[in-house]
Amino acid sequence: PYYVDLNQRLFLEASLHSSDRDLILFVDTCVASPDPSNFKALTYELIRSGCVKDLTYMTINSTHKNVSRFSFDAFSFIHRYPSVYLRCELVVCMKNDYSSRCYQGCASRFKRDAGS
């Protein structure tokens, strides 16, 4: 556990440990919940499909492409729950594959085939 005060700035870092230097890391989704085994009932979205949902969420640039850093202000769930748990989904892509998910950024809408 990591103990913080309400509204304290939290800094997180995820890193990819691989010998392949052509891989990059992208934070796609981060969701908070007061229940570590249930991220569906009572949740709070920090970022979803690369789209920032929390106004305090900030991406922090890193000189290393295999590292993703971000921060946000600590919060509580209606002051009834003593803990907040995070579940984050990250995507690994090839460094120069500009059609990959890592380079798409916010994907609020999925493209559909118009067809004929």
PDB file of N, CA and C in Angstrom:
ATOM      1  N   PRO A   1       0.834  -1.209   0.000  1.00  0.00           N
ATOM      2  CA  PRO A   1       0.000   0.000   0.000  1.00  0.00           C
ATOM      3  C   PRO A   1       0.865   1.254   0.000  1.00  0.00           C
ATOM      4  N   TYR A   2       0.301   2.285  -0.557  1.00  0.00           N
ATOM      5  CA  TYR A   2       0.955   3.581  -0.610  1.00  0.00           C
ATOM      6  C   TYR A   2      -0.012   4.576   0.014  1.00  0.00           C
ATOM      7  N   TYR A   3       0.383   5.210   1.088  1.00  0.00           N
ATOM      8  CA  TYR A   3      -0.510   6.094   1.829  1.00  0.00           C
ATOM      9  C   TYR A   3      -0.307   7.542   1.404  1.00  0.00           C
ATOM     10  N   VAL A   4      -1.414   8.211   1.088  1.00  0.00           N
ATOM     11  CA  VAL A   4      -1.365   9.612   0.671  1.00  0.00           C
ATOM     12  C   VAL A   4      -2.519  10.372   1.302  1.00  0.00           C
ATOM     13  N   ASP A   5      -2.379  11.675   1.311  1.00  0.00           N
ATOM     14  CA  ASP A   5      -3.451  12.536   1.780  1.00  0.00           C
ATOM     15  C   ASP A   5      -4.382  12.856   0.620  1.00  0.00           C
ATOM     16  N   LEU A   6      -5.605  13.206   0.947  1.00  0.00           N
ATOM     17  CA  LEU A   6      -6.582  13.595  -0.052  1.00  0.00           C
ATOM     18  C   LEU A   6      -6.043  14.778  -0.850  1.00  0.00           C
ATOM     19  N   ASN A   7      -6.186  14.737  -2.152  1.00  0.00           N
ATOM     20  CA  ASN A   7      -5.724  15.759  -3.093  1.00  0.00           C
ATOM     21  C   ASN A   7      -4.206  15.851  -3.233  1.00  0.00           C
ATOM     22  N   GLN A   8      -3.482  14.939  -2.609  1.00  0.00           N
ATOM     23  CA  GLN A   8      -2.038  14.907  -2.803  1.00  0.00           C
ATOM     24  C   GLN A   8      -1.738  14.420  -4.218  1.00  0.00           C
ATOM     25  N   ARG A   9      -0.725  14.984  -4.839  1.00  0.00           N
ATOM     26  CA  ARG A   9      -0.346  14.597  -6.207  1.00  0.00           C
ATOM     27  C   ARG A   9       0.368  13.250  -6.166  1.00  0.00           C
ATOM     28  N   LEU A  10      -0.124  12.310  -6.967  1.00  0.00           N
ATOM     29  CA  LEU A  10       0.497  10.991  -7.082  1.00  0.00           C
ATOM     30  C   LEU A  10       1.232  10.903  -8.404  1.00  0.00           C
ATOM     31  N   PHE A  11       2.419  10.338  -8.396  1.00  0.00           N
ATOM     32  CA  PHE A  11       3.210  10.151  -9.605  1.00  0.00           C
ATOM     33  C   PHE A  11       3.403   8.663  -9.813  1.00  0.00           C
ATOM     34  N   LEU A  12       3.071   8.188 -11.013  1.00  0.00           N
ATOM     35  CA  LEU A  12       3.211   6.773 -11.336  1.00  0.00           C
ATOM     36  C   LEU A  12       4.083   6.604 -12.565  1.00  0.00           C
ATOM     37  N   GLU A  13       4.750   5.457 -12.603  1.00  0.00           N
ATOM     38  CA  GLU A  13       5.601   5.139 -13.732  1.00  0.00           C
ATOM     39  C   GLU A  13       5.466   3.662 -14.044  1.00  0.00           C
ATOM     40  N   ALA A  14       5.328   3.353 -15.312  1.00  0.00           N
ATOM     41  CA  ALA A  14       5.324   1.969 -15.773  1.00  0.00           C
ATOM     42  C   ALA A  14       6.477   1.839 -16.757  1.00  0.00           C
ATOM     43  N   SER A  15       7.192   0.737 -16.657  1.00  0.00           N
ATOM     44  CA  SER A  15       8.304   0.550 -17.581  1.00  0.00           C
ATOM     45  C   SER A  15       8.264  -0.850 -18.172  1.00  0.00           C
ATOM     46  N   LEU A  16       8.705  -0.933 -19.397  1.00  0.00           N
ATOM     47  CA  LEU A  16       8.752  -2.185 -20.130  1.00  0.00           C
ATOM     48  C   LEU A  16      10.190  -2.692 -20.083  1.00  0.00           C
ATOM     49  N   HIS A  17      10.367  -3.883 -19.572  1.00  0.00           N
ATOM     50  CA  HIS A  17      11.700  -4.471 -19.470  1.00  0.00           C
ATOM     51  C   HIS A  17      11.859  -5.485 -20.590  1.00  0.00           C
ATOM     52  N   SER A  18      12.568  -5.076 -21.627  1.00  0.00           N
ATOM     53  CA  SER A  18      12.776  -5.922 -22.794  1.00  0.00           C
ATOM     54  C   SER A  18      14.111  -5.555 -23.427  1.00  0.00           C
ATOM     55  N   SER A  19      14.727  -6.522 -24.040  1.00  0.00           N
ATOM     56  CA  SER A  19      15.988  -6.249 -24.741  1.00  0.00           C
ATOM     57  C   SER A  19      15.722  -5.593 -26.096  1.00  0.00           C
ATOM     58  N   ASP A  20      14.484  -5.611 -26.554  1.00  0.00           N
ATOM     59  CA  ASP A  20      14.103  -5.004 -27.826  1.00  0.00           C
ATOM     60  C   ASP A  20      13.913  -3.501 -27.629  1.00  0.00           C
ATOM     61  N   ARG A  21      14.814  -2.714 -28.161  1.00  0.00           N
ATOM     62  CA  ARG A  21      14.763  -1.260 -27.999  1.00  0.00           C
ATOM     63  C   ARG A  21      13.780  -0.593 -28.951  1.00  0.00           C
ATOM     64  N   ASP A  22      13.132  -1.370 -29.802  1.00  0.00           N
ATOM     65  CA  ASP A  22      12.164  -0.811 -30.743  1.00  0.00           C
ATOM     66  C   ASP A  22      10.729  -0.892 -30.239  1.00  0.00           C
ATOM     67  N   LEU A  23      10.564  -1.152 -28.947  1.00  0.00           N
ATOM     68  CA  LEU A  23       9.229  -1.223 -28.360  1.00  0.00           C
ATOM     69  C   LEU A  23       8.947   0.037 -27.565  1.00  0.00           C
ATOM     70  N   ILE A  24       7.700   0.513 -27.635  1.00  0.00           N
ATOM     71  CA  ILE A  24       7.275   1.665 -26.844  1.00  0.00           C
ATOM     72  C   ILE A  24       6.052   1.289 -26.017  1.00  0.00           C
ATOM     73  N   LEU A  25       5.768   2.100 -25.028  1.00  0.00           N
ATOM     74  CA  LEU A  25       4.697   1.833 -24.072  1.00  0.00           C
ATOM     75  C   LEU A  25       3.691   2.973 -24.108  1.00  0.00           C
ATOM     76  N   PHE A  26       2.399   2.625 -24.037  1.00  0.00           N
ATOM     77  CA  PHE A  26       1.325   3.619 -24.084  1.00  0.00           C
ATOM     78  C   PHE A  26       0.279   3.285 -23.025  1.00  0.00           C
ATOM     79  N   VAL A  27      -0.085   4.275 -22.194  1.00  0.00           N
ATOM     80  CA  VAL A  27      -1.140   4.084 -21.198  1.00  0.00           C
ATOM     81  C   VAL A  27      -2.474   4.255 -21.906  1.00  0.00           C
ATOM     82  N   ASP A  28      -3.229   3.171 -22.012  1.00  0.00           N
ATOM     83  CA  ASP A  28      -4.516   3.201 -22.702  1.00  0.00           C
ATOM     84  C   ASP A  28      -5.650   3.517 -21.736  1.00  0.00           C
ATOM     85  N   THR A  29      -5.706   2.797 -20.611  1.00  0.00           N
ATOM     86  CA  THR A  29      -6.824   2.932 -19.670  1.00  0.00           C
ATOM     87  C   THR A  29      -6.329   2.776 -18.238  1.00  0.00           C
ATOM     88  N   CYS A  30      -6.816   3.629 -17.348  1.00  0.00           N
ATOM     89  CA  CYS A  30      -6.568   3.505 -15.910  1.00  0.00           C
ATOM     90  C   CYS A  30      -7.881   3.783 -15.189  1.00  0.00           C
ATOM     91  N   VAL A  31      -8.312   2.821 -14.399  1.00  0.00           N
ATOM     92  CA  VAL A  31      -9.574   2.909 -13.677  1.00  0.00           C
ATOM     93  C   VAL A  31      -9.308   2.666 -12.196  1.00  0.00           C
ATOM     94  N   ALA A  32      -9.978   3.422 -11.346  1.00  0.00           N
ATOM     95  CA  ALA A  32      -9.850   3.269  -9.898  1.00  0.00           C
ATOM     96  C   ALA A  32     -11.123   2.653  -9.338  1.00  0.00           C
ATOM     97  N   SER A  33     -10.959   1.904  -8.242  1.00  0.00           N
ATOM     98  CA  SER A  33     -12.100   1.288  -7.572  1.00  0.00           C
ATOM     99  C   SER A  33     -11.781   1.144  -6.083  1.00  0.00           C
ATOM    100  N   PRO A  34     -12.792   1.187  -5.224  1.00  0.00           N
ATOM    101  CA  PRO A  34     -12.555   0.927  -3.804  1.00  0.00           C
ATOM    102  C   PRO A  34     -12.450  -0.570  -3.513  1.00  0.00           C
ATOM    103  N   ASP A  35     -12.776  -1.406  -4.487  1.00  0.00           N
ATOM    104  CA  ASP A  35     -12.758  -2.867  -4.331  1.00  0.00           C
ATOM    105  C   ASP A  35     -11.738  -3.456  -5.305  1.00  0.00           C
ATOM    106  N   PRO A  36     -10.655  -4.072  -4.805  1.00  0.00           N
ATOM    107  CA  PRO A  36      -9.613  -4.581  -5.694  1.00  0.00           C
ATOM    108  C   PRO A  36     -10.063  -5.745  -6.572  1.00  0.00           C
ATOM    109  N   SER A  37     -11.197  -6.336  -6.272  1.00  0.00           N
ATOM    110  CA  SER A  37     -11.667  -7.472  -7.069  1.00  0.00           C
ATOM    111  C   SER A  37     -12.853  -7.110  -7.968  1.00  0.00           C
ATOM    112  N   ASN A  38     -13.275  -5.843  -7.939  1.00  0.00           N
ATOM    113  CA  ASN A  38     -14.422  -5.445  -8.758  1.00  0.00           C
ATOM    114  C   ASN A  38     -14.162  -4.071  -9.385  1.00  0.00           C
ATOM    115  N   PHE A  39     -13.821  -4.068 -10.653  1.00  0.00           N
ATOM    116  CA  PHE A  39     -13.592  -2.824 -11.376  1.00  0.00           C
ATOM    117  C   PHE A  39     -14.729  -2.539 -12.344  1.00  0.00           C
ATOM    118  N   LYS A  40     -15.942  -2.988 -11.969  1.00  0.00           N
ATOM    119  CA  LYS A  40     -17.115  -2.751 -12.807  1.00  0.00           C
ATOM    120  C   LYS A  40     -18.214  -1.983 -12.071  1.00  0.00           C
ATOM    121  N   ALA A  41     -18.430  -2.263 -10.790  1.00  0.00           N
ATOM    122  CA  ALA A  41     -19.551  -1.666 -10.057  1.00  0.00           C
ATOM    123  C   ALA A  41     -19.316  -0.178  -9.762  1.00  0.00           C
ATOM    124  N   LEU A  42     -18.455   0.117  -8.825  1.00  0.00           N
ATOM    125  CA  LEU A  42     -18.168   1.496  -8.431  1.00  0.00           C
ATOM    126  C   LEU A  42     -16.751   1.819  -8.894  1.00  0.00           C
ATOM    127  N   THR A  43     -16.649   2.590  -9.965  1.00  0.00           N
ATOM    128  CA  THR A  43     -15.332   2.901 -10.515  1.00  0.00           C
ATOM    129  C   THR A  43     -15.217   4.380 -10.835  1.00  0.00           C
ATOM    130  N   TYR A  44     -13.986   4.787 -11.027  1.00  0.00           N
ATOM    131  CA  TYR A  44     -13.686   6.152 -11.439  1.00  0.00           C
ATOM    132  C   TYR A  44     -12.615   6.062 -12.521  1.00  0.00           C
ATOM    133  N   GLU A  45     -12.883   6.647 -13.674  1.00  0.00           N
ATOM    134  CA  GLU A  45     -11.947   6.575 -14.791  1.00  0.00           C
ATOM    135  C   GLU A  45     -10.983   7.754 -14.764  1.00  0.00           C
ATOM    136  N   LEU A  46      -9.697   7.441 -14.815  1.00  0.00           N
ATOM    137  CA  LEU A  46      -8.679   8.474 -14.968  1.00  0.00           C
ATOM    138  C   LEU A  46      -8.402   8.708 -16.448  1.00  0.00           C
ATOM    139  N   ILE A  47      -8.288   7.610 -17.190  1.00  0.00           N
ATOM    140  CA  ILE A  47      -8.061   7.663 -18.623  1.00  0.00           C
ATOM    141  C   ILE A  47      -8.705   6.423 -19.228  1.00  0.00           C
ATOM    142  N   ARG A  48      -9.396   6.592 -20.355  1.00  0.00           N
ATOM    143  CA  ARG A  48     -10.098   5.471 -21.016  1.00  0.00           C
ATOM    144  C   ARG A  48      -9.830   5.561 -22.516  1.00  0.00           C
ATOM    145  N   SER A  49      -9.307   4.501 -23.082  1.00  0.00           N
ATOM    146  CA  SER A  49      -8.979   4.446 -24.516  1.00  0.00           C
ATOM    147  C   SER A  49      -8.101   5.624 -24.938  1.00  0.00           C
ATOM    148  N   GLY A  50      -7.165   5.991 -24.063  1.00  0.00           N
ATOM    149  CA  GLY A  50      -6.249   7.086 -24.354  1.00  0.00           C
ATOM    150  C   GLY A  50      -6.832   8.467 -24.151  1.00  0.00           C
ATOM    151  N   CYS A  51      -8.104   8.552 -23.745  1.00  0.00           N
ATOM    152  CA  CYS A  51      -8.776   9.840 -23.521  1.00  0.00           C
ATOM    153  C   CYS A  51      -8.777  10.163 -22.031  1.00  0.00           C
ATOM    154  N   VAL A  52      -8.240  11.303 -21.672  1.00  0.00           N
ATOM    155  CA  VAL A  52      -8.182  11.712 -20.275  1.00  0.00           C
ATOM    156  C   VAL A  52      -9.588  12.011 -19.774  1.00  0.00           C
ATOM    157  N   LYS A  53      -9.960  11.415 -18.639  1.00  0.00           N
ATOM    158  CA  LYS A  53     -11.292  11.605 -18.040  1.00  0.00           C
ATOM    159  C   LYS A  53     -11.225  12.432 -16.757  1.00  0.00           C
ATOM    160  N   ASP A  54     -10.076  12.432 -16.094  1.00  0.00           N
ATOM    161  CA  ASP A  54      -9.901  13.172 -14.844  1.00  0.00           C
ATOM    162  C   ASP A  54      -9.096  14.442 -15.138  1.00  0.00           C
ATOM    163  N   LEU A  55      -9.619  15.585 -14.708  1.00  0.00           N
ATOM    164  CA  LEU A  55      -8.973  16.867 -15.011  1.00  0.00           C
ATOM    165  C   LEU A  55      -7.601  17.021 -14.366  1.00  0.00           C
ATOM    166  N   THR A  56      -7.294  16.221 -13.337  1.00  0.00           N
ATOM    167  CA  THR A  56      -5.987  16.336 -12.684  1.00  0.00           C
ATOM    168  C   THR A  56      -4.953  15.385 -13.299  1.00  0.00           C
ATOM    169  N   TYR A  57      -5.386  14.510 -14.212  1.00  0.00           N
ATOM    170  CA  TYR A  57      -4.474  13.557 -14.854  1.00  0.00           C
ATOM    171  C   TYR A  57      -3.534  14.299 -15.793  1.00  0.00           C
ATOM    172  N   MET A  58      -2.243  13.995 -15.675  1.00  0.00           N
ATOM    173  CA  MET A  58      -1.246  14.608 -16.548  1.00  0.00           C
ATOM    174  C   MET A  58      -0.247  13.553 -17.003  1.00  0.00           C
ATOM    175  N   THR A  59       0.020  13.533 -18.292  1.00  0.00           N
ATOM    176  CA  THR A  59       1.077  12.685 -18.824  1.00  0.00           C
ATOM    177  C   THR A  59       2.392  13.417 -18.613  1.00  0.00           C
ATOM    178  N   ILE A  60       3.403  12.680 -18.170  1.00  0.00           N
ATOM    179  CA  ILE A  60       4.721  13.264 -17.938  1.00  0.00           C
ATOM    180  C   ILE A  60       5.673  12.678 -18.977  1.00  0.00           C
ATOM    181  N   ASN A  61       6.288  13.545 -19.758  1.00  0.00           N
ATOM    182  CA  ASN A  61       7.194  13.083 -20.805  1.00  0.00           C
ATOM    183  C   ASN A  61       8.404  12.378 -20.208  1.00  0.00           C
ATOM    184  N   SER A  62       8.850  11.365 -20.928  1.00  0.00           N
ATOM    185  CA  SER A  62      10.033  10.618 -20.536  1.00  0.00           C
ATOM    186  C   SER A  62      10.979  10.560 -21.722  1.00  0.00           C
ATOM    187  N   THR A  63      12.256  10.568 -21.449  1.00  0.00           N
ATOM    188  CA  THR A  63      13.243  10.457 -22.525  1.00  0.00           C
ATOM    189  C   THR A  63      13.323   9.023 -23.037  1.00  0.00           C
ATOM    190  N   HIS A  64      12.762   8.093 -22.302  1.00  0.00           N
ATOM    191  CA  HIS A  64      12.784   6.686 -22.684  1.00  0.00           C
ATOM    192  C   HIS A  64      11.395   6.282 -23.184  1.00  0.00           C
ATOM    193  N   LYS A  65      11.317   5.728 -24.376  1.00  0.00           N
ATOM    194  CA  LYS A  65      10.035   5.334 -24.959  1.00  0.00           C
ATOM    195  C   LYS A  65       9.449   4.083 -24.307  1.00  0.00           C
ATOM    196  N   ASN A  66      10.265   3.352 -23.564  1.00  0.00           N
ATOM    197  CA  ASN A  66       9.769   2.151 -22.884  1.00  0.00           C
ATOM    198  C   ASN A  66       9.285   2.474 -21.471  1.00  0.00           C
ATOM    199  N   VAL A  67       9.110   3.768 -21.185  1.00  0.00           N
ATOM    200  CA  VAL A  67       8.633   4.222 -19.873  1.00  0.00           C
ATOM    201  C   VAL A  67       7.444   5.149 -20.082  1.00  0.00           C
ATOM    202  N   SER A  68       6.367   4.920 -19.334  1.00  0.00           N
ATOM    203  CA  SER A  68       5.215   5.822 -19.338  1.00  0.00           C
ATOM    204  C   SER A  68       5.056   6.384 -17.934  1.00  0.00           C
ATOM    205  N   ARG A  69       4.924   7.690 -17.861  1.00  0.00           N
ATOM    206  CA  ARG A  69       4.763   8.364 -16.565  1.00  0.00           C
ATOM    207  C   ARG A  69       3.506   9.224 -16.595  1.00  0.00           C
ATOM    208  N   PHE A  70       2.817   9.250 -15.461  1.00  0.00           N
ATOM    209  CA  PHE A  70       1.656  10.121 -15.354  1.00  0.00           C
ATOM    210  C   PHE A  70       1.418  10.451 -13.893  1.00  0.00           C
ATOM    211  N   SER A  71       0.575  11.444 -13.661  1.00  0.00           N
ATOM    212  CA  SER A  71       0.246  11.847 -12.294  1.00  0.00           C
ATOM    213  C   SER A  71      -1.222  12.239 -12.237  1.00  0.00           C
ATOM    214  N   PHE A  72      -1.753  12.246 -11.009  1.00  0.00           N
ATOM    215  CA  PHE A  72      -3.118  12.703 -10.756  1.00  0.00           C
ATOM    216  C   PHE A  72      -3.246  13.005  -9.278  1.00  0.00           C
ATOM    217  N   ASP A  73      -4.306  13.716  -8.907  1.00  0.00           N
ATOM    218  CA  ASP A  73      -4.546  14.054  -7.504  1.00  0.00           C
ATOM    219  C   ASP A  73      -5.305  12.926  -6.819  1.00  0.00           C
ATOM    220  N   ALA A  74      -4.873  12.573  -5.620  1.00  0.00           N
ATOM    221  CA  ALA A  74      -5.522  11.504  -4.851  1.00  0.00           C
ATOM    222  C   ALA A  74      -6.950  11.908  -4.499  1.00  0.00           C
ATOM    223  N   PHE A  75      -7.830  10.917  -4.475  1.00  0.00           N
ATOM    224  CA  PHE A  75      -9.242  11.170  -4.196  1.00  0.00           C
ATOM    225  C   PHE A  75      -9.787  10.013  -3.361  1.00  0.00           C
ATOM    226  N   SER A  76     -10.998  10.175  -2.874  1.00  0.00           N
ATOM    227  CA  SER A  76     -11.649   9.094  -2.132  1.00  0.00           C
ATOM    228  C   SER A  76     -13.011   8.829  -2.754  1.00  0.00           C
ATOM    229  N   PHE A  77     -13.530   7.654  -2.506  1.00  0.00           N
ATOM    230  CA  PHE A  77     -14.866   7.308  -2.992  1.00  0.00           C
ATOM    231  C   PHE A  77     -15.875   7.646  -1.905  1.00  0.00           C
ATOM    232  N   ILE A  78     -16.443   8.828  -1.987  1.00  0.00           N
ATOM    233  CA  ILE A  78     -17.513   9.291  -1.098  1.00  0.00           C
ATOM    234  C   ILE A  78     -17.151   9.133   0.389  1.00  0.00           C
ATOM    235  N   HIS A  79     -15.885   9.181   0.707  1.00  0.00           N
ATOM    236  CA  HIS A  79     -15.381   9.120   2.090  1.00  0.00           C
ATOM    237  C   HIS A  79     -15.821   7.868   2.848  1.00  0.00           C
ATOM    238  N   ARG A  80     -16.373   6.879   2.149  1.00  0.00           N
ATOM    239  CA  ARG A  80     -16.813   5.657   2.823  1.00  0.00           C
ATOM    240  C   ARG A  80     -15.802   4.527   2.696  1.00  0.00           C
ATOM    241  N   TYR A  81     -14.859   4.677   1.793  1.00  0.00           N
ATOM    242  CA  TYR A  81     -13.913   3.595   1.531  1.00  0.00           C
ATOM    243  C   TYR A  81     -12.503   4.055   1.882  1.00  0.00           C
ATOM    244  N   PRO A  82     -11.797   3.299   2.687  1.00  0.00           N
ATOM    245  CA  PRO A  82     -10.473   3.726   3.140  1.00  0.00           C
ATOM    246  C   PRO A  82      -9.376   3.581   2.074  1.00  0.00           C
ATOM    247  N   SER A  83      -9.631   2.785   1.030  1.00  0.00           N
ATOM    248  CA  SER A  83      -8.596   2.534   0.027  1.00  0.00           C
ATOM    249  C   SER A  83      -9.123   2.738  -1.390  1.00  0.00           C
ATOM    250  N   VAL A  84      -8.212   3.049  -2.273  1.00  0.00           N
ATOM    251  CA  VAL A  84      -8.511   3.163  -3.691  1.00  0.00           C
ATOM    252  C   VAL A  84      -7.496   2.293  -4.419  1.00  0.00           C
ATOM    253  N   TYR A  85      -7.977   1.460  -5.334  1.00  0.00           N
ATOM    254  CA  TYR A  85      -7.117   0.564  -6.101  1.00  0.00           C
ATOM    255  C   TYR A  85      -7.141   0.979  -7.564  1.00  0.00           C
ATOM    256  N   LEU A  86      -6.000   0.853  -8.224  1.00  0.00           N
ATOM    257  CA  LEU A  86      -5.895   1.207  -9.638  1.00  0.00           C
ATOM    258  C   LEU A  86      -5.699  -0.042 -10.483  1.00  0.00           C
ATOM    259  N   ARG A  87      -6.308  -0.026 -11.649  1.00  0.00           N
ATOM    260  CA  ARG A  87      -6.055  -1.053 -12.663  1.00  0.00           C
ATOM    261  C   ARG A  87      -5.794  -0.294 -13.960  1.00  0.00           C
ATOM    262  N   CYS A  88      -4.599  -0.502 -14.490  1.00  0.00           N
ATOM    263  CA  CYS A  88      -4.214   0.191 -15.716  1.00  0.00           C
ATOM    264  C   CYS A  88      -3.918  -0.815 -16.814  1.00  0.00           C
ATOM    265  N   GLU A  89      -4.307  -0.442 -18.022  1.00  0.00           N
ATOM    266  CA  GLU A  89      -4.022  -1.245 -19.204  1.00  0.00           C
ATOM    267  C   GLU A  89      -3.056  -0.457 -20.074  1.00  0.00           C
ATOM    268  N   LEU A  90      -1.943  -1.090 -20.383  1.00  0.00           N
ATOM    269  CA  LEU A  90      -0.937  -0.459 -21.223  1.00  0.00           C
ATOM    270  C   LEU A  90      -0.784  -1.247 -22.507  1.00  0.00           C
ATOM    271  N   VAL A  91      -0.353  -0.564 -23.549  1.00  0.00           N
ATOM    272  CA  VAL A  91      -0.183  -1.179 -24.854  1.00  0.00           C
ATOM    273  C   VAL A  91       1.292  -1.096 -25.219  1.00  0.00           C
ATOM    274  N   VAL A  92       1.799  -2.177 -25.783  1.00  0.00           N
ATOM    275  CA  VAL A  92       3.176  -2.218 -26.264  1.00  0.00           C
ATOM    276  C   VAL A  92       3.127  -2.222 -27.788  1.00  0.00           C
ATOM    277  N   CYS A  93       3.897  -1.325 -28.400  1.00  0.00           N
ATOM    278  CA  CYS A  93       3.904  -1.201 -29.865  1.00  0.00           C
ATOM    279  C   CYS A  93       5.344  -1.116 -30.368  1.00  0.00           C
ATOM    280  N   MET A  94       5.482  -1.300 -31.662  1.00  0.00           N
ATOM    281  CA  MET A  94       6.765  -1.078 -32.314  1.00  0.00           C
ATOM    282  C   MET A  94       6.986   0.428 -32.424  1.00  0.00           C
ATOM    283  N   LYS A  95       8.212   0.861 -32.205  1.00  0.00           N
ATOM    284  CA  LYS A  95       8.533   2.286 -32.128  1.00  0.00           C
ATOM    285  C   LYS A  95       8.118   3.085 -33.365  1.00  0.00           C
ATOM    286  N   ASN A  96       8.307   2.587 -34.537  1.00  0.00           N
ATOM    287  CA  ASN A  96       8.018   3.368 -35.741  1.00  0.00           C
ATOM    288  C   ASN A  96       6.758   2.929 -36.473  1.00  0.00           C
ATOM    289  N   ASP A  97       5.887   2.199 -35.806  1.00  0.00           N
ATOM    290  CA  ASP A  97       4.626   1.777 -36.422  1.00  0.00           C
ATOM    291  C   ASP A  97       3.564   2.824 -36.114  1.00  0.00           C
ATOM    292  N   TYR A  98       3.477   3.838 -36.968  1.00  0.00           N
ATOM    293  CA  TYR A  98       2.592   4.968 -36.707  1.00  0.00           C
ATOM    294  C   TYR A  98       1.114   4.640 -36.877  1.00  0.00           C
ATOM    295  N   SER A  99       0.807   3.451 -37.364  1.00  0.00           N
ATOM    296  CA  SER A  99      -0.590   3.025 -37.455  1.00  0.00           C
ATOM    297  C   SER A  99      -1.007   2.239 -36.204  1.00  0.00           C
ATOM    298  N   SER A 100      -0.090   2.030 -35.278  1.00  0.00           N
ATOM    299  CA  SER A 100      -0.385   1.244 -34.074  1.00  0.00           C
ATOM    300  C   SER A 100      -1.195   2.048 -33.068  1.00  0.00           C
ATOM    301  N   ARG A 101      -1.750   1.381 -32.105  1.00  0.00           N
ATOM    302  CA  ARG A 101      -2.564   2.009 -31.051  1.00  0.00           C
ATOM    303  C   ARG A 101      -1.771   3.069 -30.286  1.00  0.00           C
ATOM    304  N   CYS A 102      -0.487   2.882 -30.123  1.00  0.00           N
ATOM    305  CA  CYS A 102       0.336   3.813 -29.356  1.00  0.00           C
ATOM    306  C   CYS A 102       0.366   5.213 -29.960  1.00  0.00           C
ATOM    307  N   TYR A 103       0.205   5.314 -31.255  1.00  0.00           N
ATOM    308  CA  TYR A 103       0.276   6.607 -31.936  1.00  0.00           C
ATOM    309  C   TYR A 103      -1.093   7.209 -32.209  1.00  0.00           C
ATOM    310  N   GLN A 104      -2.172   6.516 -31.886  1.00  0.00           N
ATOM    311  CA  GLN A 104      -3.511   7.019 -32.172  1.00  0.00           C
ATOM    312  C   GLN A 104      -3.998   8.031 -31.149  1.00  0.00           C
ATOM    313  N   GLY A 105      -3.439   8.002 -29.930  1.00  0.00           N
ATOM    314  CA  GLY A 105      -3.885   8.921 -28.899  1.00  0.00           C
ATOM    315  C   GLY A 105      -5.283   8.583 -28.425  1.00  0.00           C
ATOM    316  N   CYS A 106      -6.097   9.607 -28.217  1.00  0.00           N
ATOM    317  CA  CYS A 106      -7.461   9.414 -27.733  1.00  0.00           C
ATOM    318  C   CYS A 106      -8.309   8.749 -28.807  1.00  0.00           C
ATOM    319  N   ALA A 107      -8.861   7.598 -28.468  1.00  0.00           N
ATOM    320  CA  ALA A 107      -9.706   6.853 -29.414  1.00  0.00           C
ATOM    321  C   ALA A 107     -11.126   6.828 -28.868  1.00  0.00           C
ATOM    322  N   SER A 108     -11.759   7.998 -28.852  1.00  0.00           N
ATOM    323  CA  SER A 108     -13.104   8.080 -28.266  1.00  0.00           C
ATOM    324  C   SER A 108     -14.161   7.431 -29.143  1.00  0.00           C
ATOM    325  N   ARG A 109     -13.876   7.380 -30.433  1.00  0.00           N
ATOM    326  CA  ARG A 109     -14.824   6.735 -31.344  1.00  0.00           C
ATOM    327  C   ARG A 109     -14.064   5.760 -32.220  1.00  0.00           C
ATOM    328  N   PHE A 110     -14.660   4.619 -32.431  1.00  0.00           N
ATOM    329  CA  PHE A 110     -14.049   3.624 -33.288  1.00  0.00           C
ATOM    330  C   PHE A 110     -14.572   3.817 -34.699  1.00  0.00           C
ATOM    331  N   LYS A 111     -13.691   3.658 -35.667  1.00  0.00           N
ATOM    332  CA  LYS A 111     -14.074   3.809 -37.064  1.00  0.00           C
ATOM    333  C   LYS A 111     -14.892   2.614 -37.504  1.00  0.00           C
ATOM    334  N   ARG A 112     -15.898   2.888 -38.309  1.00  0.00           N
ATOM    335  CA  ARG A 112     -16.715   1.829 -38.874  1.00  0.00           C
ATOM    336  C   ARG A 112     -16.547   1.822 -40.392  1.00  0.00           C
ATOM    337  N   ASP A 113     -16.682   0.677 -40.945  1.00  0.00           N
ATOM    338  CA  ASP A 113     -16.629   0.557 -42.389  1.00  0.00           C
ATOM    339  C   ASP A 113     -17.953   1.041 -42.957  1.00  0.00           C
ATOM    340  N   ALA A 114     -17.918   2.062 -43.808  1.00  0.00           N
ATOM    341  CA  ALA A 114     -19.143   2.600 -44.380  1.00  0.00           C
ATOM    342  C   ALA A 114     -19.784   1.614 -45.332  1.00  0.00           C
ATOM    343  N   GLY A 115     -18.940   0.805 -45.982  1.00  0.00           N
ATOM    344  CA  GLY A 115     -19.466  -0.210 -46.884  1.00  0.00           C
ATOM    345  C   GLY A 115     -20.213   0.411 -48.049  1.00  0.00           C
ATOM    346  N   SER A 116     -20.952  -0.410 -48.740  1.00  0.00           N
ATOM    347  CA  SER A 116     -21.726   0.103 -49.880  1.00  0.00           C
ATOM    348  C   SER A 116     -23.197   0.121 -49.560  1.00  0.00           C
TER     349      SER A 116
END
